[in-house]
Each structure stands twice: as structure tokens, then as C-alpha cells.
């Protein structure tokens, strides 16, 4: 049964009009960083061993509400798809992501508490960059929080040809926290705040115009630009998999943080 599901998942992505690599590029980039490649090579064939249990998504929405009580959540067929994808065929991608996340969570949680932000926002970089401080996108976002150039400058980060502080984990997390606070002051709603952080306020405005002023994740995110559409369902899937990791046999693969000089 697991083999059948592993075979059907890429077909499901293609049916949605999405190439599998298009929705996994963040974790693919993480897996291609030198420290991860080196660590996985050392693990060799033992990396994928262990009990593999099917992801239970029958009560996914209720589960998510318990697993991330401080932020709005949702569940749809795309969330189920990504939970299955990273829970089984790409389980080692998620195990590495979980291992890297455990390194960063303490720093992120401390800053969220300092700024009075919801604790469950710590999961956001998992979906935005796969917790890869070296990450960069084709639309100019970069770093752990995938900040745009204008946002980085607005919140005091230095971005030049020689230095890009979006790749500085601590400074970018502080800037991201201030940006989230300002967005929440504008929208007065954590769902809209998370969406605006993910895709930009202009995307929110366009999506609301197309949906008659909707404010919920499920209605708005399909109207975002292509590169941001998968972030929210992946965020929900990653929250669920993180909470259920022990039961699913998703043991974190511990990889030490990389030096800034490392390249993809």
C-alpha cells in the first residue's frame, strides 16, 4: 500500500498542474547544502531505515488546532498531499528539516516570546525556506524567513553585493518579528498576517478582490502567485508531521548549522 501511495503522489501533483520539483525545491535546496550532503553520505544506507507508518489525516483539521493553538490553521486536499509526500516518499527530506529546525527553534522561540508573538510562528521558516539560511528564490527573497529586499532594508538589514544580512539567522529573525508585528497591527488577524508575510500585502489585496473580500486561508491562497501557493499547505503539513514525528517514525536527522560561506 505504501508503494502505491508513493507512486500516486507525483501523479497527483501532475494532475494539479504542478511539477513535483516545483513544490519541493525548498527541501531539495536544503538537501543539496554541503553539510547535509556530507552527513547523508556518512549515514549511507542507514538513513532511510526504520518503521514507516502511514500519515493519518482523517481528523487533520482538529489535529492541527491542537498542534498549533496560537495561530489559525486549515486543512484541505493539498495539506493532505504534502503530509503524505513528506511523511512517506520524501520522509528523509522531512527528517533532515526536522533536525535542522531543532537547532533553530530555541533561538526563534526566544525572539517570538520577546516580541510577544504567537509561539507557533516558529514553524513558518520550515515552509518558507526549509530552515535553510542560505535559501534564495527566483523572486528575490532570501534567508531563513525569505525576506524581500525592500522589507530587509525597512527593518534595518544590510543588503549589498558584499553582505546580505537576510542570511544572518539572528538578525533576520529579529527583523521578521518586527515585520510580523507591523503586519498584525495592520490586519488585526493572524491568518491574514501570516499570508501577507508569506506573499506580500499586494497579493492579499488582489486575492481579496477576486474572492469578494475573503479573509481565510483556504479561499485566498489559491489566488497567490505560483511560487507562494504551496507555502501555506506545506506549513500546515509540516506542523502536523512535526507534532506526529515520533508516532510516524520520523526521527530527526541532526545536521549542524552550516557556515555562511557554504553554497548550494
C-alpha atoms as a PDB file:
ATOM      1  CA  UNK A   1       0.000   0.000   0.000  1.00  0.00           C
ATOM      2  CA  UNK A   2       2.812   2.396   0.879  1.00  0.00           C
ATOM      3  CA  UNK A   3       4.422   1.751  -2.515  1.00  0.00           C
ATOM      4  CA  UNK A   4       1.159   2.525  -4.290  1.00  0.00           C
ATOM      5  CA  UNK A   5       0.781   5.815  -2.419  1.00  0.00           C
ATOM      6  CA  UNK A   6       4.390   6.750  -3.167  1.00  0.00           C
ATOM      7  CA  UNK A   7       3.694   6.134  -6.844  1.00  0.00           C
ATOM      8  CA  UNK A   8       0.420   8.058  -6.863  1.00  0.00           C
ATOM      9  CA  UNK A   9       1.666  11.210  -5.111  1.00  0.00           C
ATOM     10  CA  UNK A  10       3.740  12.526  -8.050  1.00  0.00           C
ATOM     11  CA  UNK A  11       0.790  11.758 -10.323  1.00  0.00           C
ATOM     12  CA  UNK A  12      -1.468  13.762  -8.029  1.00  0.00           C
ATOM     13  CA  UNK A  13       0.910  16.716  -8.250  1.00  0.00           C
ATOM     14  CA  UNK A  14       0.952  16.490 -12.030  1.00  0.00           C
ATOM     15  CA  UNK A  15      -2.853  16.302 -12.062  1.00  0.00           C
ATOM     16  CA  UNK A  16      -2.863  19.585 -10.141  1.00  0.00           C
ATOM     17  CA  UNK A  17      -0.718  21.046 -12.913  1.00  0.00           C
ATOM     18  CA  UNK A  18       2.350  21.189 -10.688  1.00  0.00           C
ATOM     19  CA  UNK A  19       5.687  19.515 -11.353  1.00  0.00           C
ATOM     20  CA  UNK A  20       6.899  17.625  -8.238  1.00  0.00           C
ATOM     21  CA  UNK A  21      10.212  19.542  -8.227  1.00  0.00           C
ATOM     22  CA  UNK A  22       8.287  22.817  -8.278  1.00  0.00           C
ATOM     23  CA  UNK A  23       6.789  22.171  -4.839  1.00  0.00           C
ATOM     24  CA  UNK A  24       9.840  20.502  -3.286  1.00  0.00           C
ATOM     25  CA  UNK A  25      12.536  22.975  -4.346  1.00  0.00           C
ATOM     26  CA  UNK A  26      12.923  24.349  -0.827  1.00  0.00           C
ATOM     27  CA  UNK A  27      13.663  20.987   0.752  1.00  0.00           C
ATOM     28  CA  UNK A  28      15.642  19.958  -2.342  1.00  0.00           C
ATOM     29  CA  UNK A  29      17.867  23.004  -1.783  1.00  0.00           C
ATOM     30  CA  UNK A  30      18.283  22.071   1.875  1.00  0.00           C
ATOM     31  CA  UNK A  31      19.279  18.526   0.929  1.00  0.00           C
ATOM     32  CA  UNK A  32      21.860  19.913  -1.505  1.00  0.00           C
ATOM     33  CA  UNK A  33      23.701  22.057   1.037  1.00  0.00           C
ATOM     34  CA  UNK A  34      27.171  20.735   1.707  1.00  0.00           C
ATOM     35  CA  UNK A  35      26.696  19.845   5.423  1.00  0.00           C
ATOM     36  CA  UNK A  36      23.538  17.858   4.638  1.00  0.00           C
ATOM     37  CA  UNK A  37      25.079  16.066   1.668  1.00  0.00           C
ATOM     38  CA  UNK A  38      28.144  15.196   3.738  1.00  0.00           C
ATOM     39  CA  UNK A  39      26.065  13.973   6.682  1.00  0.00           C
ATOM     40  CA  UNK A  40      23.749  11.879   4.492  1.00  0.00           C
ATOM     41  CA  UNK A  41      26.764  10.331   2.760  1.00  0.00           C
ATOM     42  CA  UNK A  42      28.153   9.342   6.167  1.00  0.00           C
ATOM     43  CA  UNK A  43      24.820   7.781   7.137  1.00  0.00           C
ATOM     44  CA  UNK A  44      24.715   5.900   3.845  1.00  0.00           C
ATOM     45  CA  UNK A  45      22.038   3.245   3.503  1.00  0.00           C
ATOM     46  CA  UNK A  46      21.036   3.551   7.168  1.00  0.00           C
ATOM     47  CA  UNK A  47      19.408   6.959   6.565  1.00  0.00           C
ATOM     48  CA  UNK A  48      16.111   5.589   5.346  1.00  0.00           C
ATOM     49  CA  UNK A  49      15.789   2.703   7.782  1.00  0.00           C
ATOM     50  CA  UNK A  50      13.171   2.465  10.469  1.00  0.00           C
ATOM     51  CA  UNK A  51       9.463   1.860  10.774  1.00  0.00           C
ATOM     52  CA  UNK A  52       7.375   3.813   8.269  1.00  0.00           C
ATOM     53  CA  UNK A  53       3.808   4.460   9.360  1.00  0.00           C
ATOM     54  CA  UNK A  54       1.146   5.961   7.117  1.00  0.00           C
ATOM     55  CA  UNK A  55       0.159   9.538   7.932  1.00  0.00           C
ATOM     56  CA  UNK A  56      -3.313   9.656   9.492  1.00  0.00           C
ATOM     57  CA  UNK A  57      -5.187  12.654   8.059  1.00  0.00           C
ATOM     58  CA  UNK A  58      -8.747  11.583   8.894  1.00  0.00           C
ATOM     59  CA  UNK A  59      -9.180  14.309  11.529  1.00  0.00           C
ATOM     60  CA  UNK A  60      -6.474  16.607  10.246  1.00  0.00           C
ATOM     61  CA  UNK A  61      -8.185  19.939  10.940  1.00  0.00           C
ATOM     62  CA  UNK A  62      -8.972  19.026  14.557  1.00  0.00           C
ATOM     63  CA  UNK A  63      -5.447  17.679  14.989  1.00  0.00           C
ATOM     64  CA  UNK A  64      -3.932  20.898  13.641  1.00  0.00           C
ATOM     65  CA  UNK A  65      -5.991  23.018  16.018  1.00  0.00           C
ATOM     66  CA  UNK A  66      -4.483  21.088  18.917  1.00  0.00           C
ATOM     67  CA  UNK A  67      -0.974  21.048  17.434  1.00  0.00           C
ATOM     68  CA  UNK A  68      -0.757  24.803  16.704  1.00  0.00           C
ATOM     69  CA  UNK A  69      -3.249  26.504  19.036  1.00  0.00           C
ATOM     70  CA  UNK A  70      -1.758  30.001  18.783  1.00  0.00           C
ATOM     71  CA  UNK A  71      -2.317  30.527  15.027  1.00  0.00           C
ATOM     72  CA  UNK A  72      -5.201  29.873  12.611  1.00  0.00           C
ATOM     73  CA  UNK A  73      -4.989  26.554  10.768  1.00  0.00           C
ATOM     74  CA  UNK A  74      -6.771  24.856   7.888  1.00  0.00           C
ATOM     75  CA  UNK A  75      -6.845  21.504   6.130  1.00  0.00           C
ATOM     76  CA  UNK A  76      -7.620  20.685   2.516  1.00  0.00           C
ATOM     77  CA  UNK A  77      -6.567  18.168  -0.122  1.00  0.00           C
ATOM     78  CA  UNK A  78      -3.251  19.960  -0.690  1.00  0.00           C
ATOM     79  CA  UNK A  79      -2.348  19.792   3.000  1.00  0.00           C
ATOM     80  CA  UNK A  80      -3.105  16.062   2.918  1.00  0.00           C
ATOM     81  CA  UNK A  81      -0.999  15.698  -0.228  1.00  0.00           C
ATOM     82  CA  UNK A  82       2.061  17.344   1.348  1.00  0.00           C
ATOM     83  CA  UNK A  83       1.634  15.449   4.612  1.00  0.00           C
ATOM     84  CA  UNK A  84       1.659  12.202   2.638  1.00  0.00           C
ATOM     85  CA  UNK A  85       4.532  13.351   0.420  1.00  0.00           C
ATOM     86  CA  UNK A  86       6.862  14.302   3.284  1.00  0.00           C
ATOM     87  CA  UNK A  87       5.617  11.585   5.614  1.00  0.00           C
ATOM     88  CA  UNK A  88       6.482   8.749   3.254  1.00  0.00           C
ATOM     89  CA  UNK A  89       8.336   9.091  -0.102  1.00  0.00           C
ATOM     90  CA  UNK A  90      10.244  12.212   0.997  1.00  0.00           C
ATOM     91  CA  UNK A  91      10.483  11.249   4.656  1.00  0.00           C
ATOM     92  CA  UNK A  92      14.272  11.751   4.761  1.00  0.00           C
ATOM     93  CA  UNK A  93      13.796  15.306   3.454  1.00  0.00           C
ATOM     94  CA  UNK A  94      11.482  15.954   6.380  1.00  0.00           C
ATOM     95  CA  UNK A  95      13.747  14.186   8.880  1.00  0.00           C
ATOM     96  CA  UNK A  96      16.600  16.499   7.867  1.00  0.00           C
ATOM     97  CA  UNK A  97      14.270  19.511   8.002  1.00  0.00           C
ATOM     98  CA  UNK A  98      13.163  18.473  11.483  1.00  0.00           C
ATOM     99  CA  UNK A  99      16.753  18.024  12.624  1.00  0.00           C
ATOM    100  CA  UNK A 100      17.781  21.457  11.340  1.00  0.00           C
ATOM    101  CA  UNK A 101      14.632  23.012  12.821  1.00  0.00           C
ATOM    102  CA  UNK A 102      15.508  21.725  16.273  1.00  0.00           C
ATOM    103  CA  UNK A 103      18.758  23.692  16.053  1.00  0.00           C
ATOM    104  CA  UNK A 104      16.950  26.938  15.208  1.00  0.00           C
ATOM    105  CA  UNK A 105      13.747  26.619  17.238  1.00  0.00           C
ATOM    106  CA  UNK A 106      15.271  27.726  20.548  1.00  0.00           C
ATOM    107  CA  UNK A 107      16.592  30.967  19.032  1.00  0.00           C
ATOM    108  CA  UNK A 108      13.349  31.613  17.132  1.00  0.00           C
ATOM    109  CA  UNK A 109      11.112  30.820  20.108  1.00  0.00           C
ATOM    110  CA  UNK A 110      13.107  33.183  22.332  1.00  0.00           C
ATOM    111  CA  UNK A 111      12.679  36.045  19.855  1.00  0.00           C
ATOM    112  CA  UNK A 112       8.966  35.345  19.358  1.00  0.00           C
ATOM    113  CA  UNK A 113       8.447  35.476  23.121  1.00  0.00           C
ATOM    114  CA  UNK A 114      10.498  38.674  23.385  1.00  0.00           C
ATOM    115  CA  UNK A 115       8.308  40.378  20.783  1.00  0.00           C
ATOM    116  CA  UNK A 116       5.031  38.956  22.116  1.00  0.00           C
ATOM    117  CA  UNK A 117       4.322  36.886  19.000  1.00  0.00           C
ATOM    118  CA  UNK A 118       2.468  33.540  18.765  1.00  0.00           C
ATOM    119  CA  UNK A 119       4.788  30.654  19.580  1.00  0.00           C
ATOM    120  CA  UNK A 120       3.634  28.568  16.614  1.00  0.00           C
ATOM    121  CA  UNK A 121       5.084  31.084  14.164  1.00  0.00           C
ATOM    122  CA  UNK A 122       8.317  29.155  14.723  1.00  0.00           C
ATOM    123  CA  UNK A 123       7.098  26.723  12.052  1.00  0.00           C
ATOM    124  CA  UNK A 124       6.856  29.408   9.365  1.00  0.00           C
ATOM    125  CA  UNK A 125      10.520  29.210   8.229  1.00  0.00           C
ATOM    126  CA  UNK A 126      10.083  25.461   7.721  1.00  0.00           C
ATOM    127  CA  UNK A 127       7.658  26.182   4.886  1.00  0.00           C
ATOM    128  CA  UNK A 128       9.286  29.388   3.648  1.00  0.00           C
ATOM    129  CA  UNK A 129      12.904  28.238   3.327  1.00  0.00           C
ATOM    130  CA  UNK A 130      13.059  24.685   4.711  1.00  0.00           C
ATOM    131  CA  UNK A 131      15.037  26.263   7.578  1.00  0.00           C
ATOM    132  CA  UNK A 132      17.849  26.985   5.131  1.00  0.00           C
ATOM    133  CA  UNK A 133      19.561  30.271   5.963  1.00  0.00           C
ATOM    134  CA  UNK A 134      21.280  30.133   2.567  1.00  0.00           C
ATOM    135  CA  UNK A 135      17.982  29.909   0.693  1.00  0.00           C
ATOM    136  CA  UNK A 136      17.061  32.238  -2.139  1.00  0.00           C
ATOM    137  CA  UNK A 137      14.165  32.333  -4.581  1.00  0.00           C
ATOM    138  CA  UNK A 138      13.711  33.447  -8.167  1.00  0.00           C
ATOM    139  CA  UNK A 139      11.583  36.386  -6.995  1.00  0.00           C
ATOM    140  CA  UNK A 140      14.370  37.857  -4.857  1.00  0.00           C
ATOM    141  CA  UNK A 141      13.513  36.532  -1.412  1.00  0.00           C
ATOM    142  CA  UNK A 142      16.354  35.229   0.728  1.00  0.00           C
ATOM    143  CA  UNK A 143      17.329  33.757   4.066  1.00  0.00           C
ATOM    144  CA  UNK A 144      15.630  31.771   6.794  1.00  0.00           C
ATOM    145  CA  UNK A 145      12.490  33.934   6.592  1.00  0.00           C
ATOM    146  CA  UNK A 146      12.700  34.589   2.830  1.00  0.00           C
ATOM    147  CA  UNK A 147      12.569  38.361   3.245  1.00  0.00           C
ATOM    148  CA  UNK A 148      12.347  40.599   0.203  1.00  0.00           C
ATOM    149  CA  UNK A 149      14.961  43.264  -0.440  1.00  0.00           C
ATOM    150  CA  UNK A 150      12.630  46.204   0.432  1.00  0.00           C
ATOM    151  CA  UNK A 151      11.457  44.539   3.653  1.00  0.00           C
ATOM    152  CA  UNK A 152      15.038  43.775   4.672  1.00  0.00           C
ATOM    153  CA  UNK A 153      16.056  47.408   4.226  1.00  0.00           C
ATOM    154  CA  UNK A 154      12.946  48.685   6.003  1.00  0.00           C
ATOM    155  CA  UNK A 155      13.802  46.654   9.088  1.00  0.00           C
ATOM    156  CA  UNK A 156      17.451  47.598   9.239  1.00  0.00           C
ATOM    157  CA  UNK A 157      19.206  44.722   7.500  1.00  0.00           C
ATOM    158  CA  UNK A 158      22.229  45.416   5.342  1.00  0.00           C
ATOM    159  CA  UNK A 159      21.891  44.070   1.803  1.00  0.00           C
ATOM    160  CA  UNK A 160      24.789  44.815  -0.526  1.00  0.00           C
ATOM    161  CA  UNK A 161      26.873  42.959  -3.079  1.00  0.00           C
ATOM    162  CA  UNK A 162      29.250  42.006  -0.259  1.00  0.00           C
ATOM    163  CA  UNK A 163      26.883  41.464   2.682  1.00  0.00           C
ATOM    164  CA  UNK A 164      23.315  40.173   2.864  1.00  0.00           C
ATOM    165  CA  UNK A 165      22.087  40.078   6.452  1.00  0.00           C
ATOM    166  CA  UNK A 166      18.962  38.204   5.413  1.00  0.00           C
ATOM    167  CA  UNK A 167      21.269  35.182   5.705  1.00  0.00           C
ATOM    168  CA  UNK A 168      22.136  36.129   9.300  1.00  0.00           C
ATOM    169  CA  UNK A 169      19.815  33.906  11.326  1.00  0.00           C
ATOM    170  CA  UNK A 170      19.578  36.112  14.418  1.00  0.00           C
ATOM    171  CA  UNK A 171      19.287  39.479  12.668  1.00  0.00           C
ATOM    172  CA  UNK A 172      16.797  38.191  10.107  1.00  0.00           C
ATOM    173  CA  UNK A 173      14.667  36.618  12.849  1.00  0.00           C
ATOM    174  CA  UNK A 174      14.574  39.916  14.735  1.00  0.00           C
ATOM    175  CA  UNK A 175      13.593  41.742  11.536  1.00  0.00           C
ATOM    176  CA  UNK A 176      10.969  39.120  10.676  1.00  0.00           C
ATOM    177  CA  UNK A 177       9.438  39.507  14.127  1.00  0.00           C
ATOM    178  CA  UNK A 178       9.111  43.270  13.759  1.00  0.00           C
ATOM    179  CA  UNK A 179       7.605  42.849  10.296  1.00  0.00           C
ATOM    180  CA  UNK A 180       5.066  40.343  11.636  1.00  0.00           C
ATOM    181  CA  UNK A 181       4.122  42.759  14.410  1.00  0.00           C
ATOM    182  CA  UNK A 182       3.576  45.580  11.928  1.00  0.00           C
ATOM    183  CA  UNK A 183       1.516  43.363   9.625  1.00  0.00           C
ATOM    184  CA  UNK A 184      -0.653  42.279  12.544  1.00  0.00           C
ATOM    185  CA  UNK A 185      -1.178  45.897  13.543  1.00  0.00           C
ATOM    186  CA  UNK A 186      -2.451  46.446  10.005  1.00  0.00           C
ATOM    187  CA  UNK A 187      -4.642  43.359   9.559  1.00  0.00           C
ATOM    188  CA  UNK A 188      -5.687  42.623  13.175  1.00  0.00           C
ATOM    189  CA  UNK A 189      -5.820  38.953  12.187  1.00  0.00           C
ATOM    190  CA  UNK A 190      -3.072  36.327  12.430  1.00  0.00           C
ATOM    191  CA  UNK A 191      -4.268  34.418   9.388  1.00  0.00           C
ATOM    192  CA  UNK A 192      -4.043  37.486   7.159  1.00  0.00           C
ATOM    193  CA  UNK A 193      -0.764  38.453   8.827  1.00  0.00           C
ATOM    194  CA  UNK A 194       0.836  35.095   8.016  1.00  0.00           C
ATOM    195  CA  UNK A 195      -0.439  35.249   4.440  1.00  0.00           C
ATOM    196  CA  UNK A 196       0.818  38.813   3.965  1.00  0.00           C
ATOM    197  CA  UNK A 197       4.224  37.837   5.344  1.00  0.00           C
ATOM    198  CA  UNK A 198       4.326  34.857   3.007  1.00  0.00           C
ATOM    199  CA  UNK A 199       3.320  36.507  -0.251  1.00  0.00           C
ATOM    200  CA  UNK A 200       3.213  40.266   0.373  1.00  0.00           C
ATOM    201  CA  UNK A 201       0.294  42.617   1.129  1.00  0.00           C
ATOM    202  CA  UNK A 202      -0.283  43.292  -2.591  1.00  0.00           C
ATOM    203  CA  UNK A 203      -1.071  39.613  -3.146  1.00  0.00           C
ATOM    204  CA  UNK A 204      -3.545  39.710  -0.262  1.00  0.00           C
ATOM    205  CA  UNK A 205      -5.302  42.716  -1.775  1.00  0.00           C
ATOM    206  CA  UNK A 206      -5.563  41.057  -5.203  1.00  0.00           C
ATOM    207  CA  UNK A 207      -6.762  37.774  -3.729  1.00  0.00           C
ATOM    208  CA  UNK A 208      -9.426  39.551  -1.676  1.00  0.00           C
ATOM    209  CA  UNK A 209     -10.606  41.456  -4.724  1.00  0.00           C
ATOM    210  CA  UNK A 210     -11.015  38.158  -6.587  1.00  0.00           C
ATOM    211  CA  UNK A 211     -12.856  36.477  -3.708  1.00  0.00           C
ATOM    212  CA  UNK A 212     -15.197  39.211  -2.557  1.00  0.00           C
ATOM    213  CA  UNK A 213     -13.155  40.169   0.488  1.00  0.00           C
ATOM    214  CA  UNK A 214     -12.455  36.705   1.911  1.00  0.00           C
ATOM    215  CA  UNK A 215     -10.124  36.517   4.905  1.00  0.00           C
ATOM    216  CA  UNK A 216      -9.475  32.779   5.331  1.00  0.00           C
ATOM    217  CA  UNK A 217      -6.503  30.694   4.184  1.00  0.00           C
ATOM    218  CA  UNK A 218      -8.430  28.172   2.108  1.00  0.00           C
ATOM    219  CA  UNK A 219     -10.178  30.762  -0.019  1.00  0.00           C
ATOM    220  CA  UNK A 220      -7.258  33.132  -0.530  1.00  0.00           C
ATOM    221  CA  UNK A 221      -4.098  31.088  -1.037  1.00  0.00           C
ATOM    222  CA  UNK A 222      -5.080  29.572  -4.436  1.00  0.00           C
ATOM    223  CA  UNK A 223      -5.058  33.156  -5.765  1.00  0.00           C
ATOM    224  CA  UNK A 224      -1.457  33.871  -4.738  1.00  0.00           C
ATOM    225  CA  UNK A 225       1.377  33.918  -7.247  1.00  0.00           C
ATOM    226  CA  UNK A 226       2.601  30.468  -8.245  1.00  0.00           C
ATOM    227  CA  UNK A 227       5.749  30.465  -6.121  1.00  0.00           C
ATOM    228  CA  UNK A 228       3.876  31.216  -2.894  1.00  0.00           C
ATOM    229  CA  UNK A 229       0.848  28.958  -3.400  1.00  0.00           C
ATOM    230  CA  UNK A 230       2.414  25.882  -1.826  1.00  0.00           C
ATOM    231  CA  UNK A 231       3.757  27.628   1.296  1.00  0.00           C
ATOM    232  CA  UNK A 232       0.574  27.608   3.393  1.00  0.00           C
ATOM    233  CA  UNK A 233      -0.471  23.987   2.762  1.00  0.00           C
ATOM    234  CA  UNK A 234       3.123  22.909   3.356  1.00  0.00           C
ATOM    235  CA  UNK A 235       3.155  24.914   6.597  1.00  0.00           C
ATOM    236  CA  UNK A 236       0.103  23.003   7.815  1.00  0.00           C
ATOM    237  CA  UNK A 237       1.599  19.672   6.723  1.00  0.00           C
ATOM    238  CA  UNK A 238       4.906  20.414   8.458  1.00  0.00           C
ATOM    239  CA  UNK A 239       3.146  21.408  11.693  1.00  0.00           C
ATOM    240  CA  UNK A 240       1.256  18.112  11.670  1.00  0.00           C
ATOM    241  CA  UNK A 241       4.292  15.995  10.818  1.00  0.00           C
ATOM    242  CA  UNK A 242       6.378  17.743  13.490  1.00  0.00           C
ATOM    243  CA  UNK A 243       3.750  17.020  16.123  1.00  0.00           C
ATOM    244  CA  UNK A 244       3.340  13.405  14.991  1.00  0.00           C
ATOM    245  CA  UNK A 245       7.015  12.719  14.226  1.00  0.00           C
ATOM    246  CA  UNK A 246       7.590  10.174  16.987  1.00  0.00           C
ATOM    247  CA  UNK A 247       4.452   8.195  16.161  1.00  0.00           C
ATOM    248  CA  UNK A 248       5.301   8.206  12.452  1.00  0.00           C
ATOM    249  CA  UNK A 249       8.890   7.122  12.976  1.00  0.00           C
ATOM    250  CA  UNK A 250      10.215  10.437  11.621  1.00  0.00           C
ATOM    251  CA  UNK A 251      13.331  10.581  13.738  1.00  0.00           C
ATOM    252  CA  UNK A 252      15.175  13.900  13.207  1.00  0.00           C
ATOM    253  CA  UNK A 253      18.435  13.678  11.304  1.00  0.00           C
ATOM    254  CA  UNK A 254      20.715  16.040  13.207  1.00  0.00           C
ATOM    255  CA  UNK A 255      22.833  18.260  10.968  1.00  0.00           C
ATOM    256  CA  UNK A 256      24.985  21.003  12.468  1.00  0.00           C
ATOM    257  CA  UNK A 257      24.302  24.528  11.126  1.00  0.00           C
ATOM    258  CA  UNK A 258      26.410  25.496   8.178  1.00  0.00           C
ATOM    259  CA  UNK A 259      28.852  28.357   7.900  1.00  0.00           C
ATOM    260  CA  UNK A 260      27.770  31.428   5.854  1.00  0.00           C
ATOM    261  CA  UNK A 261      30.427  30.657   3.242  1.00  0.00           C
ATOM    262  CA  UNK A 262      28.703  27.412   2.243  1.00  0.00           C
ATOM    263  CA  UNK A 263      26.896  27.465  -1.080  1.00  0.00           C
ATOM    264  CA  UNK A 264      24.177  25.329  -2.616  1.00  0.00           C
END
